[in-house]
Amino acid sequence: MPQANVYTAAANATIYTDKVRIAAGTSPVTYQVYVLYPDNVGNLYSAPPSVPANSIMDVFVGVQNKLTVSGTCTITEVGTATSGIMSVRDTGGTLPY
């Protein structure tokens, strides 16, 4: 298994797996996902969600979308490049592209 990318900051960073794990430091952090699907380009959230101080949260980003995190934290790519697609297929959903 290849080594996961780990970041200490993310400003419009391209994510190569379907999820990231955000571990906040002693202060809360906020994050925003910029979606690049052809029929839905833009910020995923109207207001950036937050991760409480000293907490860890797994966040769905989507392969090749952009992530921005504000605050002191560690960000680790988790999942795979295809696990998000497989879960859509397993639930009978449709792909967004």
PDB file of N, CA and C in Angstrom:
ATOM      1  N   MET A   1       0.839  -1.173   0.000  1.00  0.00           N
ATOM      2  CA  MET A   1       0.000   0.000   0.000  1.00  0.00           C
ATOM      3  C   MET A   1       0.885   1.237   0.000  1.00  0.00           C
ATOM      4  N   PRO A   2       0.598   2.217  -0.867  1.00  0.00           N
ATOM      5  CA  PRO A   2       1.428   3.421  -0.916  1.00  0.00           C
ATOM      6  C   PRO A   2       1.251   4.273   0.342  1.00  0.00           C
ATOM      7  N   GLN A   3       2.245   5.068   0.630  1.00  0.00           N
ATOM      8  CA  GLN A   3       2.212   5.963   1.774  1.00  0.00           C
ATOM      9  C   GLN A   3       1.175   7.063   1.555  1.00  0.00           C
ATOM     10  N   ALA A   4       0.340   7.352   2.547  1.00  0.00           N
ATOM     11  CA  ALA A   4      -0.660   8.412   2.458  1.00  0.00           C
ATOM     12  C   ALA A   4       0.030   9.770   2.523  1.00  0.00           C
ATOM     13  N   ASN A   5      -0.509  10.728   1.797  1.00  0.00           N
ATOM     14  CA  ASN A   5       0.001  12.092   1.886  1.00  0.00           C
ATOM     15  C   ASN A   5      -0.456  12.700   3.208  1.00  0.00           C
ATOM     16  N   VAL A   6       0.455  13.393   3.877  1.00  0.00           N
ATOM     17  CA  VAL A   6       0.158  14.064   5.140  1.00  0.00           C
ATOM     18  C   VAL A   6       0.537  15.535   4.973  1.00  0.00           C
ATOM     19  N   TYR A   7      -0.358  16.420   5.400  1.00  0.00           N
ATOM     20  CA  TYR A   7      -0.151  17.863   5.264  1.00  0.00           C
ATOM     21  C   TYR A   7      -0.268  18.523   6.638  1.00  0.00           C
ATOM     22  N   THR A   8       0.421  19.623   6.819  1.00  0.00           N
ATOM     23  CA  THR A   8       0.228  20.441   8.018  1.00  0.00           C
ATOM     24  C   THR A   8      -0.509  21.726   7.668  1.00  0.00           C
ATOM     25  N   ALA A   9      -0.783  21.921   6.389  1.00  0.00           N
ATOM     26  CA  ALA A   9      -1.574  23.052   5.919  1.00  0.00           C
ATOM     27  C   ALA A   9      -2.160  22.670   4.569  1.00  0.00           C
ATOM     28  N   ALA A  10      -3.313  23.225   4.252  1.00  0.00           N
ATOM     29  CA  ALA A  10      -3.923  22.964   2.950  1.00  0.00           C
ATOM     30  C   ALA A  10      -4.632  24.226   2.479  1.00  0.00           C
ATOM     31  N   ALA A  11      -4.171  24.759   1.373  1.00  0.00           N
ATOM     32  CA  ALA A  11      -4.804  25.917   0.753  1.00  0.00           C
ATOM     33  C   ALA A  11      -5.060  25.554  -0.702  1.00  0.00           C
ATOM     34  N   ASN A  12      -6.286  25.146  -0.980  1.00  0.00           N
ATOM     35  CA  ASN A  12      -6.658  24.722  -2.334  1.00  0.00           C
ATOM     36  C   ASN A  12      -5.811  23.527  -2.782  1.00  0.00           C
ATOM     37  N   ALA A  13      -5.545  22.612  -1.849  1.00  0.00           N
ATOM     38  CA  ALA A  13      -4.713  21.436  -2.129  1.00  0.00           C
ATOM     39  C   ALA A  13      -5.539  20.372  -2.849  1.00  0.00           C
ATOM     40  N   THR A  14      -4.987  19.786  -3.906  1.00  0.00           N
ATOM     41  CA  THR A  14      -5.643  18.676  -4.595  1.00  0.00           C
ATOM     42  C   THR A  14      -5.524  17.432  -3.726  1.00  0.00           C
ATOM     43  N   ILE A  15      -6.660  16.752  -3.525  1.00  0.00           N
ATOM     44  CA  ILE A  15      -6.692  15.549  -2.699  1.00  0.00           C
ATOM     45  C   ILE A  15      -6.794  14.333  -3.613  1.00  0.00           C
ATOM     46  N   TYR A  16      -6.000  13.303  -3.315  1.00  0.00           N
ATOM     47  CA  TYR A  16      -5.890  12.137  -4.193  1.00  0.00           C
ATOM     48  C   TYR A  16      -6.615  10.898  -3.670  1.00  0.00           C
ATOM     49  N   THR A  17      -7.337  11.030  -2.555  1.00  0.00           N
ATOM     50  CA  THR A  17      -8.181   9.946  -2.042  1.00  0.00           C
ATOM     51  C   THR A  17      -9.570  10.514  -1.809  1.00  0.00           C
ATOM     52  N   ASP A  18     -10.525   9.652  -1.453  1.00  0.00           N
ATOM     53  CA  ASP A  18     -11.887  10.151  -1.278  1.00  0.00           C
ATOM     54  C   ASP A  18     -12.105  10.883   0.043  1.00  0.00           C
ATOM     55  N   LYS A  19     -11.276  10.639   1.055  1.00  0.00           N
ATOM     56  CA  LYS A  19     -11.449  11.255   2.372  1.00  0.00           C
ATOM     57  C   LYS A  19     -10.125  11.768   2.908  1.00  0.00           C
ATOM     58  N   VAL A  20     -10.242  12.660   3.894  1.00  0.00           N
ATOM     59  CA  VAL A  20      -9.081  13.094   4.671  1.00  0.00           C
ATOM     60  C   VAL A  20      -9.441  12.997   6.145  1.00  0.00           C
ATOM     61  N   ARG A  21      -8.427  12.846   6.968  1.00  0.00           N
ATOM     62  CA  ARG A  21      -8.589  12.867   8.418  1.00  0.00           C
ATOM     63  C   ARG A  21      -7.943  14.151   8.910  1.00  0.00           C
ATOM     64  N   ILE A  22      -8.753  15.019   9.520  1.00  0.00           N
ATOM     65  CA  ILE A  22      -8.258  16.294  10.038  1.00  0.00           C
ATOM     66  C   ILE A  22      -8.122  16.173  11.551  1.00  0.00           C
ATOM     67  N   ALA A  23      -6.912  16.358  12.050  1.00  0.00           N
ATOM     68  CA  ALA A  23      -6.637  16.331  13.486  1.00  0.00           C
ATOM     69  C   ALA A  23      -6.310  17.749  13.926  1.00  0.00           C
ATOM     70  N   ALA A  24      -7.257  18.369  14.635  1.00  0.00           N
ATOM     71  CA  ALA A  24      -7.074  19.753  15.077  1.00  0.00           C
ATOM     72  C   ALA A  24      -6.132  19.796  16.269  1.00  0.00           C
ATOM     73  N   GLY A  25      -5.408  20.888  16.369  1.00  0.00           N
ATOM     74  CA  GLY A  25      -4.514  21.104  17.510  1.00  0.00           C
ATOM     75  C   GLY A  25      -5.283  21.667  18.688  1.00  0.00           C
ATOM     76  N   THR A  26      -4.684  22.603  19.389  1.00  0.00           N
ATOM     77  CA  THR A  26      -5.300  23.158  20.595  1.00  0.00           C
ATOM     78  C   THR A  26      -6.370  24.196  20.304  1.00  0.00           C
ATOM     79  N   SER A  27      -6.562  24.527  19.033  1.00  0.00           N
ATOM     80  CA  SER A  27      -7.625  25.448  18.617  1.00  0.00           C
ATOM     81  C   SER A  27      -8.465  24.780  17.534  1.00  0.00           C
ATOM     82  N   PRO A  28      -9.740  25.157  17.418  1.00  0.00           N
ATOM     83  CA  PRO A  28     -10.564  24.582  16.350  1.00  0.00           C
ATOM     84  C   PRO A  28     -10.061  25.023  14.972  1.00  0.00           C
ATOM     85  N   VAL A  29     -10.368  24.233  13.952  1.00  0.00           N
ATOM     86  CA  VAL A  29     -10.021  24.588  12.575  1.00  0.00           C
ATOM     87  C   VAL A  29     -11.288  24.533  11.728  1.00  0.00           C
ATOM     88  N   THR A  30     -11.284  25.256  10.622  1.00  0.00           N
ATOM     89  CA  THR A  30     -12.388  25.197   9.669  1.00  0.00           C
ATOM     90  C   THR A  30     -11.857  24.650   8.357  1.00  0.00           C
ATOM     91  N   TYR A  31     -12.769  24.070   7.556  1.00  0.00           N
ATOM     92  CA  TYR A  31     -12.352  23.521   6.269  1.00  0.00           C
ATOM     93  C   TYR A  31     -13.409  23.808   5.219  1.00  0.00           C
ATOM     94  N   GLN A  32     -12.978  23.782   3.969  1.00  0.00           N
ATOM     95  CA  GLN A  32     -13.880  23.972   2.830  1.00  0.00           C
ATOM     96  C   GLN A  32     -13.416  23.068   1.707  1.00  0.00           C
ATOM     97  N   VAL A  33     -14.365  22.458   1.019  1.00  0.00           N
ATOM     98  CA  VAL A  33     -14.090  21.603  -0.132  1.00  0.00           C
ATOM     99  C   VAL A  33     -14.551  22.334  -1.375  1.00  0.00           C
ATOM    100  N   TYR A  34     -13.657  22.438  -2.351  1.00  0.00           N
ATOM    101  CA  TYR A  34     -14.004  23.036  -3.641  1.00  0.00           C
ATOM    102  C   TYR A  34     -14.217  21.895  -4.628  1.00  0.00           C
ATOM    103  N   VAL A  35     -15.453  21.734  -5.080  1.00  0.00           N
ATOM    104  CA  VAL A  35     -15.845  20.622  -5.947  1.00  0.00           C
ATOM    105  C   VAL A  35     -15.541  20.970  -7.398  1.00  0.00           C
ATOM    106  N   LEU A  36     -14.983  19.992  -8.127  1.00  0.00           N
ATOM    107  CA  LEU A  36     -14.603  20.212  -9.520  1.00  0.00           C
ATOM    108  C   LEU A  36     -15.411  19.397 -10.517  1.00  0.00           C
ATOM    109  N   TYR A  37     -16.542  18.788 -10.066  1.00  0.00           N
ATOM    110  CA  TYR A  37     -17.370  18.026 -11.010  1.00  0.00           C
ATOM    111  C   TYR A  37     -17.957  18.982 -12.035  1.00  0.00           C
ATOM    112  N   PRO A  38     -18.043  18.563 -13.308  1.00  0.00           N
ATOM    113  CA  PRO A  38     -18.453  19.468 -14.390  1.00  0.00           C
ATOM    114  C   PRO A  38     -19.782  20.178 -14.179  1.00  0.00           C
ATOM    115  N   ASP A  39     -20.778  19.518 -13.591  1.00  0.00           N
ATOM    116  CA  ASP A  39     -22.080  20.167 -13.448  1.00  0.00           C
ATOM    117  C   ASP A  39     -22.281  20.813 -12.082  1.00  0.00           C
ATOM    118  N   ASN A  40     -21.259  20.834 -11.231  1.00  0.00           N
ATOM    119  CA  ASN A  40     -21.402  21.392  -9.892  1.00  0.00           C
ATOM    120  C   ASN A  40     -20.052  21.890  -9.394  1.00  0.00           C
ATOM    121  N   VAL A  41     -19.560  22.974  -9.958  1.00  0.00           N
ATOM    122  CA  VAL A  41     -18.258  23.514  -9.580  1.00  0.00           C
ATOM    123  C   VAL A  41     -18.465  24.606  -8.538  1.00  0.00           C
ATOM    124  N   GLY A  42     -17.703  24.536  -7.456  1.00  0.00           N
ATOM    125  CA  GLY A  42     -17.769  25.566  -6.429  1.00  0.00           C
ATOM    126  C   GLY A  42     -17.605  24.978  -5.041  1.00  0.00           C
ATOM    127  N   ASN A  43     -17.774  25.832  -4.034  1.00  0.00           N
ATOM    128  CA  ASN A  43     -17.630  25.388  -2.652  1.00  0.00           C
ATOM    129  C   ASN A  43     -18.745  24.414  -2.287  1.00  0.00           C
ATOM    130  N   LEU A  44     -18.389  23.350  -1.586  1.00  0.00           N
ATOM    131  CA  LEU A  44     -19.369  22.353  -1.172  1.00  0.00           C
ATOM    132  C   LEU A  44     -20.265  22.885  -0.059  1.00  0.00           C
ATOM    133  N   TYR A  45     -19.712  23.674   0.842  1.00  0.00           N
ATOM    134  CA  TYR A  45     -20.459  24.177   1.996  1.00  0.00           C
ATOM    135  C   TYR A  45     -20.670  25.683   1.875  1.00  0.00           C
ATOM    136  N   SER A  46     -21.854  26.159   2.261  1.00  0.00           N
ATOM    137  CA  SER A  46     -22.115  27.602   2.217  1.00  0.00           C
ATOM    138  C   SER A  46     -21.308  28.320   3.298  1.00  0.00           C
ATOM    139  N   ALA A  47     -21.086  27.658   4.419  1.00  0.00           N
ATOM    140  CA  ALA A  47     -20.219  28.180   5.480  1.00  0.00           C
ATOM    141  C   ALA A  47     -19.251  27.053   5.871  1.00  0.00           C
ATOM    142  N   PRO A  48     -17.976  27.349   6.031  1.00  0.00           N
ATOM    143  CA  PRO A  48     -17.002  26.295   6.342  1.00  0.00           C
ATOM    144  C   PRO A  48     -17.330  25.576   7.653  1.00  0.00           C
ATOM    145  N   PRO A  49     -17.413  24.242   7.626  1.00  0.00           N
ATOM    146  CA  PRO A  49     -17.594  23.476   8.866  1.00  0.00           C
ATOM    147  C   PRO A  49     -16.332  23.550   9.723  1.00  0.00           C
ATOM    148  N   SER A  50     -16.468  23.169  10.993  1.00  0.00           N
ATOM    149  CA  SER A  50     -15.291  23.219  11.869  1.00  0.00           C
ATOM    150  C   SER A  50     -15.040  21.876  12.536  1.00  0.00           C
ATOM    151  N   VAL A  51     -13.795  21.705  12.925  1.00  0.00           N
ATOM    152  CA  VAL A  51     -13.350  20.559  13.718  1.00  0.00           C
ATOM    153  C   VAL A  51     -12.961  21.132  15.077  1.00  0.00           C
ATOM    154  N   PRO A  52     -13.582  20.658  16.158  1.00  0.00           N
ATOM    155  CA  PRO A  52     -13.263  21.203  17.487  1.00  0.00           C
ATOM    156  C   PRO A  52     -11.796  20.996  17.875  1.00  0.00           C
ATOM    157  N   ALA A  53     -11.325  21.820  18.772  1.00  0.00           N
ATOM    158  CA  ALA A  53      -9.951  21.695  19.277  1.00  0.00           C
ATOM    159  C   ALA A  53      -9.716  20.303  19.841  1.00  0.00           C
ATOM    160  N   ASN A  54      -8.514  19.792  19.631  1.00  0.00           N
ATOM    161  CA  ASN A  54      -8.091  18.478  20.141  1.00  0.00           C
ATOM    162  C   ASN A  54      -9.006  17.349  19.687  1.00  0.00           C
ATOM    163  N   SER A  55      -9.558  17.462  18.476  1.00  0.00           N
ATOM    164  CA  SER A  55     -10.451  16.440  17.927  1.00  0.00           C
ATOM    165  C   SER A  55      -9.947  15.959  16.580  1.00  0.00           C
ATOM    166  N   ILE A  56     -10.438  14.788  16.188  1.00  0.00           N
ATOM    167  CA  ILE A  56     -10.114  14.218  14.881  1.00  0.00           C
ATOM    168  C   ILE A  56     -11.415  13.959  14.152  1.00  0.00           C
ATOM    169  N   MET A  57     -11.468  14.332  12.873  1.00  0.00           N
ATOM    170  CA  MET A  57     -12.673  14.138  12.081  1.00  0.00           C
ATOM    171  C   MET A  57     -12.294  13.642  10.689  1.00  0.00           C
ATOM    172  N   ASP A  58     -13.002  12.610  10.208  1.00  0.00           N
ATOM    173  CA  ASP A  58     -12.848  12.158   8.829  1.00  0.00           C
ATOM    174  C   ASP A  58     -13.846  12.919   7.972  1.00  0.00           C
ATOM    175  N   VAL A  59     -13.364  13.474   6.860  1.00  0.00           N
ATOM    176  CA  VAL A  59     -14.176  14.327   6.001  1.00  0.00           C
ATOM    177  C   VAL A  59     -14.131  13.802   4.574  1.00  0.00           C
ATOM    178  N   PHE A  60     -15.297  13.653   3.940  1.00  0.00           N
ATOM    179  CA  PHE A  60     -15.330  13.278   2.527  1.00  0.00           C
ATOM    180  C   PHE A  60     -14.956  14.499   1.698  1.00  0.00           C
ATOM    181  N   VAL A  61     -13.972  14.344   0.829  1.00  0.00           N
ATOM    182  CA  VAL A  61     -13.546  15.423  -0.060  1.00  0.00           C
ATOM    183  C   VAL A  61     -13.845  15.047  -1.502  1.00  0.00           C
ATOM    184  N   GLY A  62     -13.533  13.818  -1.873  1.00  0.00           N
ATOM    185  CA  GLY A  62     -13.698  13.391  -3.263  1.00  0.00           C
ATOM    186  C   GLY A  62     -12.381  13.524  -4.002  1.00  0.00           C
ATOM    187  N   VAL A  63     -12.042  12.504  -4.740  1.00  0.00           N
ATOM    188  CA  VAL A  63     -10.783  12.466  -5.473  1.00  0.00           C
ATOM    189  C   VAL A  63     -10.684  13.639  -6.432  1.00  0.00           C
ATOM    190  N   GLN A  64      -9.550  14.318  -6.405  1.00  0.00           N
ATOM    191  CA  GLN A  64      -9.202  15.439  -7.283  1.00  0.00           C
ATOM    192  C   GLN A  64      -9.915  16.743  -6.939  1.00  0.00           C
ATOM    193  N   ASN A  65     -10.752  16.770  -5.903  1.00  0.00           N
ATOM    194  CA  ASN A  65     -11.314  18.035  -5.460  1.00  0.00           C
ATOM    195  C   ASN A  65     -10.266  18.771  -4.635  1.00  0.00           C
ATOM    196  N   LYS A  66     -10.538  20.024  -4.303  1.00  0.00           N
ATOM    197  CA  LYS A  66      -9.582  20.877  -3.579  1.00  0.00           C
ATOM    198  C   LYS A  66     -10.024  21.056  -2.128  1.00  0.00           C
ATOM    199  N   LEU A  67      -9.064  21.091  -1.224  1.00  0.00           N
ATOM    200  CA  LEU A  67      -9.334  21.269   0.201  1.00  0.00           C
ATOM    201  C   LEU A  67      -8.556  22.457   0.735  1.00  0.00           C
ATOM    202  N   THR A  68      -9.251  23.279   1.520  1.00  0.00           N
ATOM    203  CA  THR A  68      -8.608  24.369   2.246  1.00  0.00           C
ATOM    204  C   THR A  68      -8.947  24.194   3.720  1.00  0.00           C
ATOM    205  N   VAL A  69      -7.929  24.225   4.575  1.00  0.00           N
ATOM    206  CA  VAL A  69      -8.123  24.130   6.017  1.00  0.00           C
ATOM    207  C   VAL A  69      -7.461  25.335   6.657  1.00  0.00           C
ATOM    208  N   SER A  70      -8.193  26.016   7.544  1.00  0.00           N
ATOM    209  CA  SER A  70      -7.660  27.180   8.256  1.00  0.00           C
ATOM    210  C   SER A  70      -7.444  26.812   9.712  1.00  0.00           C
ATOM    211  N   GLY A  71      -6.214  26.941  10.167  1.00  0.00           N
ATOM    212  CA  GLY A  71      -5.887  26.634  11.547  1.00  0.00           C
ATOM    213  C   GLY A  71      -4.751  25.630  11.631  1.00  0.00           C
ATOM    214  N   THR A  72      -4.294  25.364  12.845  1.00  0.00           N
ATOM    215  CA  THR A  72      -3.194  24.438  13.077  1.00  0.00           C
ATOM    216  C   THR A  72      -3.732  23.020  13.200  1.00  0.00           C
ATOM    217  N   CYS A  73      -3.262  22.136  12.311  1.00  0.00           N
ATOM    218  CA  CYS A  73      -3.765  20.770  12.306  1.00  0.00           C
ATOM    219  C   CYS A  73      -2.839  19.867  11.492  1.00  0.00           C
ATOM    220  N   THR A  74      -3.168  18.584  11.496  1.00  0.00           N
ATOM    221  CA  THR A  74      -2.535  17.612  10.614  1.00  0.00           C
ATOM    222  C   THR A  74      -3.636  17.020   9.749  1.00  0.00           C
ATOM    223  N   ILE A  75      -3.389  16.922   8.452  1.00  0.00           N
ATOM    224  CA  ILE A  75      -4.362  16.404   7.495  1.00  0.00           C
ATOM    225  C   ILE A  75      -3.737  15.181   6.832  1.00  0.00           C
ATOM    226  N   THR A  76      -4.433  14.051   6.899  1.00  0.00           N
ATOM    227  CA  THR A  76      -3.930  12.807   6.317  1.00  0.00           C
ATOM    228  C   THR A  76      -4.945  12.285   5.315  1.00  0.00           C
ATOM    229  N   GLU A  77      -4.485  11.968   4.100  1.00  0.00           N
ATOM    230  CA  GLU A  77      -5.380  11.348   3.126  1.00  0.00           C
ATOM    231  C   GLU A  77      -5.691   9.928   3.583  1.00  0.00           C
ATOM    232  N   VAL A  78      -6.964   9.542   3.575  1.00  0.00           N
ATOM    233  CA  VAL A  78      -7.387   8.193   3.956  1.00  0.00           C
ATOM    234  C   VAL A  78      -8.353   7.674   2.898  1.00  0.00           C
ATOM    235  N   GLY A  79      -8.621   6.383   2.926  1.00  0.00           N
ATOM    236  CA  GLY A  79      -9.471   5.797   1.897  1.00  0.00           C
ATOM    237  C   GLY A  79      -8.643   5.522   0.655  1.00  0.00           C
ATOM    238  N   THR A  80      -9.320   5.385  -0.455  1.00  0.00           N
ATOM    239  CA  THR A  80      -8.649   5.118  -1.719  1.00  0.00           C
ATOM    240  C   THR A  80      -9.200   6.041  -2.786  1.00  0.00           C
ATOM    241  N   ALA A  81      -8.615   5.977  -3.953  1.00  0.00           N
ATOM    242  CA  ALA A  81      -9.099   6.789  -5.063  1.00  0.00           C
ATOM    243  C   ALA A  81     -10.416   6.251  -5.609  1.00  0.00           C
ATOM    244  N   THR A  82     -10.791   5.022  -5.269  1.00  0.00           N
ATOM    245  CA  THR A  82     -12.008   4.439  -5.827  1.00  0.00           C
ATOM    246  C   THR A  82     -13.055   4.067  -4.791  1.00  0.00           C
ATOM    247  N   SER A  83     -12.751   4.146  -3.494  1.00  0.00           N
ATOM    248  CA  SER A  83     -13.722   3.675  -2.506  1.00  0.00           C
ATOM    249  C   SER A  83     -14.998   4.497  -2.503  1.00  0.00           C
ATOM    250  N   GLY A  84     -14.912   5.785  -2.795  1.00  0.00           N
ATOM    251  CA  GLY A  84     -16.118   6.608  -2.888  1.00  0.00           C
ATOM    252  C   GLY A  84     -16.996   6.190  -4.044  1.00  0.00           C
ATOM    253  N   ILE A  85     -16.405   5.851  -5.174  1.00  0.00           N
ATOM    254  CA  ILE A  85     -17.171   5.392  -6.334  1.00  0.00           C
ATOM    255  C   ILE A  85     -17.832   4.059  -6.023  1.00  0.00           C
ATOM    256  N   MET A  86     -17.111   3.165  -5.351  1.00  0.00           N
ATOM    257  CA  MET A  86     -17.668   1.856  -5.033  1.00  0.00           C
ATOM    258  C   MET A  86     -18.854   1.982  -4.086  1.00  0.00           C
ATOM    259  N   SER A  87     -18.811   2.886  -3.119  1.00  0.00           N
ATOM    260  CA  SER A  87     -19.929   3.012  -2.193  1.00  0.00           C
ATOM    261  C   SER A  87     -21.166   3.547  -2.894  1.00  0.00           C
ATOM    262  N   VAL A  88     -20.990   4.401  -3.892  1.00  0.00           N
ATOM    263  CA  VAL A  88     -22.129   4.880  -4.672  1.00  0.00           C
ATOM    264  C   VAL A  88     -22.749   3.718  -5.427  1.00  0.00           C
ATOM    265  N   ARG A  89     -21.933   2.874  -6.027  1.00  0.00           N
ATOM    266  CA  ARG A  89     -22.451   1.727  -6.750  1.00  0.00           C
ATOM    267  C   ARG A  89     -23.161   0.753  -5.821  1.00  0.00           C
ATOM    268  N   ASP A  90     -22.597   0.523  -4.627  1.00  0.00           N
ATOM    269  CA  ASP A  90     -23.191  -0.418  -3.678  1.00  0.00           C
ATOM    270  C   ASP A  90     -24.562   0.025  -3.199  1.00  0.00           C
ATOM    271  N   THR A  91     -24.812   1.320  -3.133  1.00  0.00           N
ATOM    272  CA  THR A  91     -26.098   1.814  -2.651  1.00  0.00           C
ATOM    273  C   THR A  91     -27.063   2.080  -3.787  1.00  0.00           C
ATOM    274  N   GLY A  92     -26.657   1.774  -5.021  1.00  0.00           N
ATOM    275  CA  GLY A  92     -27.550   1.987  -6.149  1.00  0.00           C
ATOM    276  C   GLY A  92     -27.642   3.436  -6.588  1.00  0.00           C
ATOM    277  N   GLY A  93     -26.714   4.259  -6.108  1.00  0.00           N
ATOM    278  CA  GLY A  93     -26.725   5.680  -6.474  1.00  0.00           C
ATOM    279  C   GLY A  93     -26.135   5.895  -7.856  1.00  0.00           C
ATOM    280  N   THR A  94     -26.067   7.131  -8.258  1.00  0.00           N
ATOM    281  CA  THR A  94     -25.470   7.465  -9.552  1.00  0.00           C
ATOM    282  C   THR A  94     -24.254   8.330  -9.320  1.00  0.00           C
ATOM    283  N   LEU A  95     -23.311   8.239 -10.202  1.00  0.00           N
ATOM    284  CA  LEU A  95     -22.110   9.053 -10.104  1.00  0.00           C
ATOM    285  C   LEU A  95     -22.430  10.489 -10.486  1.00  0.00           C
ATOM    286  N   PRO A  96     -21.795  11.449  -9.843  1.00  0.00           N
ATOM    287  CA  PRO A  96     -22.084  12.852 -10.122  1.00  0.00           C
ATOM    288  C   PRO A  96     -21.424  13.387 -11.384  1.00  0.00           C
ATOM    289  N   TYR A  97     -20.788  12.532 -12.171  1.00  0.00           N
ATOM    290  CA  TYR A  97     -20.152  12.985 -13.397  1.00  0.00           C
ATOM    291  C   TYR A  97     -20.321  11.966 -14.474  1.00  0.00           C
TER     292      TYR A  97
END
